[in-house]
N, C-alpha and C. Protein backbone atom coordinates (compact mmCIF):
# COMPACT_ATOMS: atom_id res chain seq x y z
N MET A 1 74.83 49.75 228.93
CA MET A 1 73.95 48.82 227.68
C MET A 1 74.64 47.46 228.05
N SER A 2 73.50 46.40 227.80
CA SER A 2 74.03 45.40 227.89
C SER A 2 74.79 44.52 226.53
N SER A 3 75.37 43.29 226.89
CA SER A 3 76.05 42.61 225.56
C SER A 3 75.42 42.58 224.70
N LEU A 4 76.14 42.06 223.35
CA LEU A 4 74.71 42.03 222.30
C LEU A 4 75.48 40.17 222.25
N THR A 5 73.97 39.79 221.96
CA THR A 5 73.93 38.21 222.65
C THR A 5 73.67 37.68 221.64
N HIS A 6 73.84 38.30 220.17
CA HIS A 6 74.92 37.22 219.13
C HIS A 6 75.88 36.93 218.50
N PHE A 7 76.59 36.70 219.62
CA PHE A 7 77.95 36.71 219.16
C PHE A 7 78.37 36.17 220.44
N ASP A 8 79.38 35.03 220.03
CA ASP A 8 79.90 34.41 221.11
C ASP A 8 81.24 34.87 221.61
N ALA A 9 81.38 34.25 222.89
CA ALA A 9 83.38 35.09 223.41
C ALA A 9 83.99 35.32 222.16
N GLN A 10 84.40 34.34 221.69
CA GLN A 10 85.20 34.77 220.20
C GLN A 10 85.07 35.59 219.25
N GLY A 11 83.60 36.65 219.54
CA GLY A 11 82.96 37.55 218.64
C GLY A 11 82.33 37.13 217.24
N GLN A 12 82.24 35.70 217.44
CA GLN A 12 81.19 34.92 215.76
C GLN A 12 79.92 35.13 216.48
N ALA A 13 79.54 35.34 215.30
CA ALA A 13 77.65 35.39 215.18
C ALA A 13 77.19 34.24 215.32
N HIS A 14 75.97 33.99 215.92
CA HIS A 14 75.93 32.46 216.77
C HIS A 14 73.79 32.58 216.81
N MET A 15 73.10 31.69 216.86
CA MET A 15 71.83 31.96 217.05
C MET A 15 72.03 31.82 218.70
N VAL A 16 70.93 32.19 219.69
CA VAL A 16 71.15 32.03 220.98
C VAL A 16 70.21 31.40 221.04
N ASP A 17 70.90 30.97 222.04
CA ASP A 17 70.10 29.46 222.49
C ASP A 17 69.40 30.12 223.16
N VAL A 18 67.84 29.26 223.20
CA VAL A 18 66.57 29.77 223.80
C VAL A 18 66.30 28.60 224.89
N GLY A 19 66.62 27.45 224.63
CA GLY A 19 66.15 26.54 225.16
C GLY A 19 65.73 26.22 226.46
N ALA A 20 66.39 26.82 227.46
CA ALA A 20 66.14 26.65 228.96
C ALA A 20 65.48 27.77 229.37
N LYS A 21 65.11 28.89 228.58
CA LYS A 21 64.13 30.04 228.69
C LYS A 21 62.76 29.54 229.04
N ALA A 22 62.03 30.17 229.64
CA ALA A 22 60.46 29.55 230.14
C ALA A 22 59.46 30.21 229.31
N SER A 23 58.64 29.11 228.72
CA SER A 23 57.73 30.00 227.74
C SER A 23 56.56 30.67 228.05
N THR A 24 56.93 31.76 228.09
CA THR A 24 55.65 32.97 228.50
C THR A 24 55.07 33.82 227.19
N HIS A 25 53.63 34.54 227.55
CA HIS A 25 53.09 35.41 226.86
C HIS A 25 53.82 36.03 226.35
N ARG A 26 54.19 36.53 225.01
CA ARG A 26 54.79 37.32 224.54
C ARG A 26 54.58 38.19 224.00
N VAL A 27 54.21 40.10 223.78
CA VAL A 27 53.82 40.77 222.81
C VAL A 27 54.73 41.96 222.19
N ALA A 28 54.84 42.38 220.65
CA ALA A 28 55.14 43.64 220.88
C ALA A 28 54.55 43.93 219.86
N VAL A 29 54.72 46.01 219.94
CA VAL A 29 54.20 46.62 219.10
C VAL A 29 55.03 47.62 218.40
N ALA A 30 55.22 47.53 216.91
CA ALA A 30 56.04 48.05 216.10
C ALA A 30 54.87 49.35 215.83
N THR A 31 55.22 50.31 214.84
CA THR A 31 54.80 51.74 214.03
C THR A 31 55.99 51.55 212.89
N GLY A 32 55.60 52.46 212.11
CA GLY A 32 55.98 53.48 211.00
C GLY A 32 55.12 53.84 210.06
N ARG A 33 55.64 54.96 209.15
CA ARG A 33 55.18 55.27 208.06
C ARG A 33 55.33 56.00 207.06
N ILE A 34 54.52 56.16 206.51
CA ILE A 34 54.89 56.17 204.37
C ILE A 34 54.09 57.26 204.35
N ASP A 35 54.98 59.06 203.63
CA ASP A 35 54.97 59.76 203.25
C ASP A 35 54.83 60.05 202.24
N LEU A 36 53.53 60.58 201.67
CA LEU A 36 53.26 60.39 200.22
C LEU A 36 52.21 61.94 199.71
N GLN A 37 52.22 61.45 198.52
CA GLN A 37 51.25 63.09 197.85
C GLN A 37 50.12 62.87 198.33
N ALA A 38 49.47 64.08 198.27
CA ALA A 38 47.79 64.16 198.69
C ALA A 38 47.10 63.02 197.60
N ALA A 39 47.50 63.72 196.59
CA ALA A 39 47.13 62.59 195.27
C ALA A 39 47.28 61.28 195.37
N THR A 40 47.88 60.66 196.14
CA THR A 40 48.40 59.63 196.14
C THR A 40 47.69 58.94 197.30
N LEU A 41 47.70 59.73 198.30
CA LEU A 41 46.53 59.75 199.64
C LEU A 41 45.27 59.56 199.19
N ALA A 42 44.72 60.41 198.15
CA ALA A 42 43.69 60.07 197.89
C ALA A 42 43.23 58.66 196.65
N VAL A 43 44.41 58.27 196.16
CA VAL A 43 43.91 57.08 195.54
C VAL A 43 43.83 55.80 196.49
N ILE A 44 44.60 55.98 197.60
CA ILE A 44 44.47 54.85 198.43
C ILE A 44 42.90 55.28 199.01
N GLN A 45 42.46 55.93 199.36
CA GLN A 45 41.51 56.75 200.41
C GLN A 45 40.20 55.92 199.14
N SER A 46 40.08 56.53 198.28
CA SER A 46 38.85 55.76 197.17
C SER A 46 39.31 54.53 196.92
N GLY A 47 40.12 53.82 196.91
CA GLY A 47 40.05 52.70 196.16
C GLY A 47 40.12 52.40 195.00
N THR A 48 40.63 53.28 194.04
CA THR A 48 40.88 53.40 192.96
C THR A 48 42.13 53.13 192.03
N ALA A 49 43.37 52.47 193.23
CA ALA A 49 44.39 51.89 192.33
C ALA A 49 44.30 51.12 191.48
N LYS A 50 45.23 51.11 190.78
CA LYS A 50 44.93 50.14 189.84
C LYS A 50 44.72 48.69 189.98
N LYS A 51 46.15 48.79 190.99
CA LYS A 51 46.32 47.44 191.73
C LYS A 51 45.25 46.55 192.31
N GLY A 52 44.31 47.59 193.13
CA GLY A 52 43.40 47.37 193.80
C GLY A 52 43.59 47.67 195.66
N ASP A 53 42.91 47.20 196.67
CA ASP A 53 42.34 48.03 197.74
C ASP A 53 44.27 47.67 198.18
N VAL A 54 44.70 48.73 198.48
CA VAL A 54 45.74 49.03 199.01
C VAL A 54 46.39 48.37 200.02
N LEU A 55 45.38 49.03 201.15
CA LEU A 55 45.66 48.94 202.49
C LEU A 55 45.28 47.00 203.04
N GLY A 56 44.20 46.95 202.29
CA GLY A 56 43.77 45.27 202.35
C GLY A 56 45.02 44.12 202.09
N ILE A 57 45.70 44.75 200.72
CA ILE A 57 46.34 44.00 200.35
C ILE A 57 47.63 44.39 200.98
N ALA A 58 47.86 45.26 201.34
CA ALA A 58 49.38 45.58 202.66
C ALA A 58 49.12 45.16 203.73
N ARG A 59 48.16 44.85 204.59
CA ARG A 59 47.71 44.25 205.76
C ARG A 59 48.06 42.86 205.36
N ILE A 60 47.73 42.02 204.63
CA ILE A 60 48.00 40.88 204.09
C ILE A 60 49.77 40.89 204.16
N ALA A 61 49.97 41.54 203.65
CA ALA A 61 51.34 41.75 203.22
C ALA A 61 52.16 41.36 204.43
N GLY A 62 51.87 42.26 205.23
CA GLY A 62 52.26 42.56 206.61
C GLY A 62 52.20 41.45 207.76
N ILE A 63 51.09 40.75 207.65
CA ILE A 63 51.27 40.00 208.09
C ILE A 63 51.83 38.65 207.68
N GLN A 64 52.08 38.42 206.34
CA GLN A 64 53.08 37.49 205.50
C GLN A 64 54.21 37.45 205.96
N GLY A 65 54.93 38.98 206.11
CA GLY A 65 55.92 38.97 206.34
C GLY A 65 56.43 39.07 207.87
N ALA A 66 55.76 38.80 208.43
CA ALA A 66 55.88 38.50 209.97
C ALA A 66 56.04 37.00 210.48
N LYS A 67 54.95 36.60 209.31
CA LYS A 67 55.35 34.78 209.30
C LYS A 67 56.44 34.12 209.00
N ARG A 68 57.36 35.21 208.58
CA ARG A 68 58.56 35.12 207.40
C ARG A 68 60.29 35.51 208.20
N THR A 69 59.95 36.21 209.17
CA THR A 69 61.13 36.94 209.71
C THR A 69 62.11 36.09 209.74
N SER A 70 62.09 34.89 210.53
CA SER A 70 62.94 33.93 210.54
C SER A 70 63.36 34.05 209.09
N GLU A 71 63.21 33.53 208.11
CA GLU A 71 64.05 33.70 206.63
C GLU A 71 64.55 34.81 205.96
N LEU A 72 64.08 36.00 206.54
CA LEU A 72 64.14 36.91 206.46
C LEU A 72 65.75 37.90 207.28
N VAL A 73 65.90 37.03 208.48
CA VAL A 73 66.58 37.34 209.45
C VAL A 73 67.47 36.61 209.96
N PRO A 74 68.53 36.48 209.34
CA PRO A 74 69.84 35.43 209.62
C PRO A 74 69.42 34.73 211.16
N LEU A 75 69.61 35.39 212.13
CA LEU A 75 69.66 34.98 213.72
C LEU A 75 68.38 34.80 214.12
N CYS A 76 66.85 35.33 213.87
CA CYS A 76 65.78 34.86 214.50
C CYS A 76 65.55 34.06 214.64
N HIS A 77 65.14 33.40 215.58
CA HIS A 77 64.22 32.05 215.72
C HIS A 77 62.36 31.65 214.67
N PRO A 78 62.49 30.81 213.97
CA PRO A 78 61.23 30.65 214.06
C PRO A 78 59.81 30.30 214.89
N ILE A 79 59.41 31.13 215.18
CA ILE A 79 58.72 31.13 216.37
C ILE A 79 57.04 31.08 215.57
N PRO A 80 56.07 30.42 216.29
CA PRO A 80 54.69 30.50 216.28
C PRO A 80 54.07 31.65 216.75
N LEU A 81 53.49 32.66 215.59
CA LEU A 81 52.50 33.57 216.20
C LEU A 81 51.05 33.10 216.73
N THR A 82 50.60 33.81 217.56
CA THR A 82 49.35 33.32 218.02
C THR A 82 48.32 34.36 217.53
N ARG A 83 48.80 35.21 217.07
CA ARG A 83 48.27 36.74 216.53
C ARG A 83 49.14 37.69 216.40
N LEU A 84 48.66 38.16 214.78
CA LEU A 84 49.04 39.21 214.84
C LEU A 84 48.11 40.06 214.02
N ALA A 85 48.11 40.83 214.09
CA ALA A 85 47.50 42.22 214.29
C ALA A 85 47.99 43.80 213.33
N VAL A 86 47.44 44.23 211.93
CA VAL A 86 48.11 45.30 211.18
C VAL A 86 47.49 45.96 210.97
N GLU A 87 47.76 47.43 211.44
CA GLU A 87 46.55 48.27 211.37
C GLU A 87 47.06 49.41 210.46
N PHE A 88 45.94 50.51 209.89
CA PHE A 88 46.36 51.87 209.45
C PHE A 88 45.62 52.56 210.02
N GLU A 89 46.16 54.16 210.12
CA GLU A 89 45.70 54.82 210.17
C GLU A 89 46.33 56.27 208.97
N VAL A 90 44.90 56.91 208.50
CA VAL A 90 45.84 57.51 207.58
C VAL A 90 45.54 59.35 208.18
N ASP A 91 46.71 59.76 208.19
CA ASP A 91 47.01 61.15 208.66
C ASP A 91 47.22 62.19 207.19
N ALA A 92 45.91 62.74 206.99
CA ALA A 92 45.39 63.07 205.87
C ALA A 92 46.35 64.59 205.83
N ALA A 93 46.59 64.98 207.20
CA ALA A 93 47.07 66.49 207.54
C ALA A 93 48.30 66.87 207.16
N ALA A 94 49.02 65.36 206.92
CA ALA A 94 50.46 65.27 206.62
C ALA A 94 50.23 64.43 205.95
N ASN A 95 49.61 64.24 204.93
CA ASN A 95 49.53 63.36 204.08
C ASN A 95 50.72 61.73 203.75
N ALA A 96 49.77 61.09 204.87
CA ALA A 96 51.01 60.20 205.15
C ALA A 96 50.02 59.08 205.71
N VAL A 97 50.11 57.58 205.76
CA VAL A 97 50.00 56.38 206.33
C VAL A 97 50.85 55.77 207.29
N VAL A 98 50.08 55.64 208.74
CA VAL A 98 50.42 55.04 209.20
C VAL A 98 50.19 53.68 209.56
N CYS A 99 51.51 53.19 209.91
CA CYS A 99 51.01 51.49 210.26
C CYS A 99 51.97 50.71 211.58
N THR A 100 50.56 50.30 212.29
CA THR A 100 51.05 49.50 213.72
C THR A 100 50.76 48.45 213.52
N ALA A 101 51.66 47.49 214.06
CA ALA A 101 51.53 45.76 214.42
C ALA A 101 51.66 45.66 215.23
N THR A 102 50.94 44.63 216.19
CA THR A 102 50.73 43.59 217.03
C THR A 102 51.09 42.39 216.93
N ALA A 103 52.31 41.53 217.56
CA ALA A 103 52.40 40.65 217.77
C ALA A 103 52.46 39.73 218.51
N GLU A 104 51.71 38.49 218.94
CA GLU A 104 51.64 38.10 219.62
C GLU A 104 52.14 35.96 219.55
N THR A 105 52.51 35.76 220.73
CA THR A 105 53.16 34.24 220.75
C THR A 105 53.46 33.87 222.27
N VAL A 106 53.24 32.09 222.34
CA VAL A 106 53.82 32.19 223.70
C VAL A 106 54.97 31.47 223.54
N GLY A 107 56.00 31.28 224.34
CA GLY A 107 57.31 30.65 223.87
C GLY A 107 58.57 31.56 224.48
N PRO A 108 59.61 31.33 224.37
CA PRO A 108 60.96 31.49 224.96
C PRO A 108 61.58 32.56 224.33
N THR A 109 61.14 33.13 223.13
CA THR A 109 61.60 34.17 223.14
C THR A 109 60.83 35.48 222.28
N GLY A 110 60.99 36.56 221.79
CA GLY A 110 60.13 37.61 221.58
C GLY A 110 59.97 37.84 220.58
N VAL A 111 58.76 38.80 220.49
CA VAL A 111 58.37 38.95 218.46
C VAL A 111 58.21 40.02 218.27
N GLU A 112 59.15 40.95 219.32
CA GLU A 112 59.84 42.31 218.62
C GLU A 112 60.35 41.95 217.12
N MET A 113 60.88 41.46 216.46
CA MET A 113 61.48 41.05 215.07
C MET A 113 60.21 41.23 213.84
N GLU A 114 58.94 40.47 214.08
CA GLU A 114 58.03 40.05 213.89
C GLU A 114 57.02 41.49 213.59
N ALA A 115 57.09 41.83 214.63
CA ALA A 115 56.34 43.20 215.04
C ALA A 115 56.66 44.50 213.82
N LEU A 116 58.69 44.38 213.58
CA LEU A 116 59.22 44.42 213.31
C LEU A 116 58.72 44.85 211.56
N CYS A 117 58.92 43.05 211.59
CA CYS A 117 58.98 43.34 209.66
C CYS A 117 57.67 43.22 209.20
N ALA A 118 56.70 42.98 210.24
CA ALA A 118 55.18 43.29 209.54
C ALA A 118 55.31 44.77 208.95
N VAL A 119 55.23 45.62 210.07
CA VAL A 119 55.62 46.66 209.49
C VAL A 119 55.93 47.28 208.03
N GLN A 120 57.71 46.98 208.49
CA GLN A 120 58.24 46.97 207.13
C GLN A 120 57.70 46.26 205.58
N VAL A 121 57.34 45.49 205.67
CA VAL A 121 56.87 44.87 204.71
C VAL A 121 55.53 45.56 204.47
N ALA A 122 54.27 46.02 204.98
CA ALA A 122 53.05 46.43 204.88
C ALA A 122 53.27 48.00 204.04
N LEU A 123 54.52 48.45 204.82
CA LEU A 123 54.90 50.33 203.93
C LEU A 123 55.54 49.73 202.68
N LEU A 124 55.89 48.88 202.45
CA LEU A 124 56.68 48.33 201.13
C LEU A 124 55.68 48.38 200.41
N THR A 125 54.71 47.32 200.65
CA THR A 125 53.68 46.81 199.55
C THR A 125 52.57 48.54 199.24
N ILE A 126 52.51 48.81 200.54
CA ILE A 126 52.03 50.20 199.68
C ILE A 126 52.82 51.31 198.90
N TYR A 127 54.14 51.11 199.11
CA TYR A 127 55.01 51.63 198.18
C TYR A 127 54.79 51.01 196.69
N ASP A 128 54.67 49.78 196.88
CA ASP A 128 55.16 48.99 195.44
C ASP A 128 53.29 49.13 194.58
N MET A 129 52.62 49.35 195.60
CA MET A 129 51.27 49.22 194.85
C MET A 129 51.31 50.66 194.17
N CYS A 130 51.56 51.87 194.95
CA CYS A 130 51.81 53.19 194.38
C CYS A 130 52.64 53.90 193.66
N LYS A 131 53.28 53.25 193.34
CA LYS A 131 54.50 53.57 192.63
C LYS A 131 54.52 54.11 191.25
N SER A 132 53.06 53.28 190.59
CA SER A 132 53.36 53.83 189.35
C SER A 132 52.91 55.65 189.54
N VAL A 133 52.66 56.58 190.87
CA VAL A 133 51.85 57.14 190.99
C VAL A 133 52.50 58.41 191.32
N ASP A 134 53.43 57.62 192.41
CA ASP A 134 53.72 58.65 193.55
C ASP A 134 55.60 57.90 193.77
N ARG A 135 56.65 58.06 192.89
CA ARG A 135 57.90 57.37 193.19
C ARG A 135 59.01 58.26 194.31
N GLY A 136 58.23 59.13 194.84
CA GLY A 136 58.72 59.75 195.78
C GLY A 136 58.07 59.49 197.15
N MET A 137 57.52 58.59 197.13
CA MET A 137 57.31 58.25 198.68
C MET A 137 58.45 57.83 199.50
N THR A 138 58.28 58.12 200.73
CA THR A 138 59.66 57.31 201.64
C THR A 138 58.83 57.16 203.08
N ILE A 139 59.75 55.89 203.32
CA ILE A 139 59.20 55.37 204.78
C ILE A 139 60.13 55.35 205.77
N GLY A 140 59.58 55.85 207.04
CA GLY A 140 60.27 55.99 208.17
C GLY A 140 60.24 56.13 208.97
N GLY A 141 60.23 56.51 210.10
CA GLY A 141 59.86 56.32 211.57
C GLY A 141 59.77 54.68 212.13
N VAL A 142 60.24 53.93 211.69
CA VAL A 142 59.83 52.48 212.08
C VAL A 142 60.41 52.22 213.47
N ARG A 143 60.06 51.94 214.36
CA ARG A 143 60.17 51.45 215.25
C ARG A 143 59.43 50.65 216.32
N LEU A 144 60.19 49.87 217.74
CA LEU A 144 59.35 49.04 218.24
C LEU A 144 58.65 50.37 219.05
N LEU A 145 57.49 50.31 219.64
CA LEU A 145 56.67 51.14 220.58
C LEU A 145 56.46 50.18 222.02
N GLU A 146 56.77 49.28 222.28
CA GLU A 146 56.63 48.50 223.54
C GLU A 146 56.84 47.06 223.21
N LYS A 147 56.70 46.11 224.51
CA LYS A 147 57.10 44.90 224.44
C LYS A 147 56.99 44.38 225.83
N ARG A 148 56.30 43.07 225.79
CA ARG A 148 55.88 42.76 227.09
C ARG A 148 56.03 41.16 227.23
N GLY A 149 56.15 40.26 228.29
CA GLY A 149 56.50 39.06 228.39
C GLY A 149 58.24 39.14 228.32
N GLY A 150 58.67 37.79 228.96
CA GLY A 150 60.19 37.21 229.24
C GLY A 150 60.51 37.50 230.53
N LYS A 151 61.93 37.37 230.58
CA LYS A 151 62.33 37.98 231.94
C LYS A 151 62.75 39.08 231.72
N SER A 152 63.02 39.68 230.57
CA SER A 152 63.27 41.61 230.77
C SER A 152 61.83 42.12 230.97
N GLY A 153 60.50 41.23 230.77
CA GLY A 153 59.04 42.42 231.10
C GLY A 153 58.61 43.37 230.17
N GLU A 154 58.06 44.10 230.74
CA GLU A 154 57.93 45.52 230.17
C GLU A 154 58.47 46.36 229.36
N TRP A 155 58.60 46.71 228.59
CA TRP A 155 59.26 47.80 227.94
C TRP A 155 58.51 48.62 227.23
N LYS A 156 58.34 50.27 227.08
CA LYS A 156 57.77 51.30 226.37
C LYS A 156 58.87 52.02 225.91
N ALA A 157 58.63 52.66 224.48
CA ALA A 157 59.36 53.45 223.46
C ALA A 157 58.59 54.83 225.00
N PRO A 158 59.55 55.80 225.03
CA PRO A 158 59.69 57.09 225.39
C PRO A 158 58.40 57.81 224.49
N ALA A 159 57.87 58.54 225.42
CA ALA A 159 56.68 59.23 224.07
C ALA A 159 57.73 60.41 223.39
């Protein structure tokens, strides 16, 4: 395992200097899921939630979350996103909604944190919008699926 990059030689936290790194096209894909009751999933699918279109609002929240990642995660660089897509897949058999976010930029540092943040915020928004009918929802399985670009090249999570 390589050393942790967010600590200096004295063990103090610092923001990594990316000034000398080449700007390249970078992509990251993250995923996660929210498990809920069948009745809650039915409300989401039917569009009858009292607060509105659950997945539509969660998509916008995920995009907004990705754009604000550097404000939430102290040592993240603010980066210009060139693309952010948030998609949902309803898994009716498991009473779950799976969220996948794809973040892209052209720059000197990656977008893994933005993709992960988008997933987390989108899933939290689903929880917020449905908590009046189901407080037992659980969010889990949030992880990076793949990243491309930069010095370290491509990485894919094991299947």
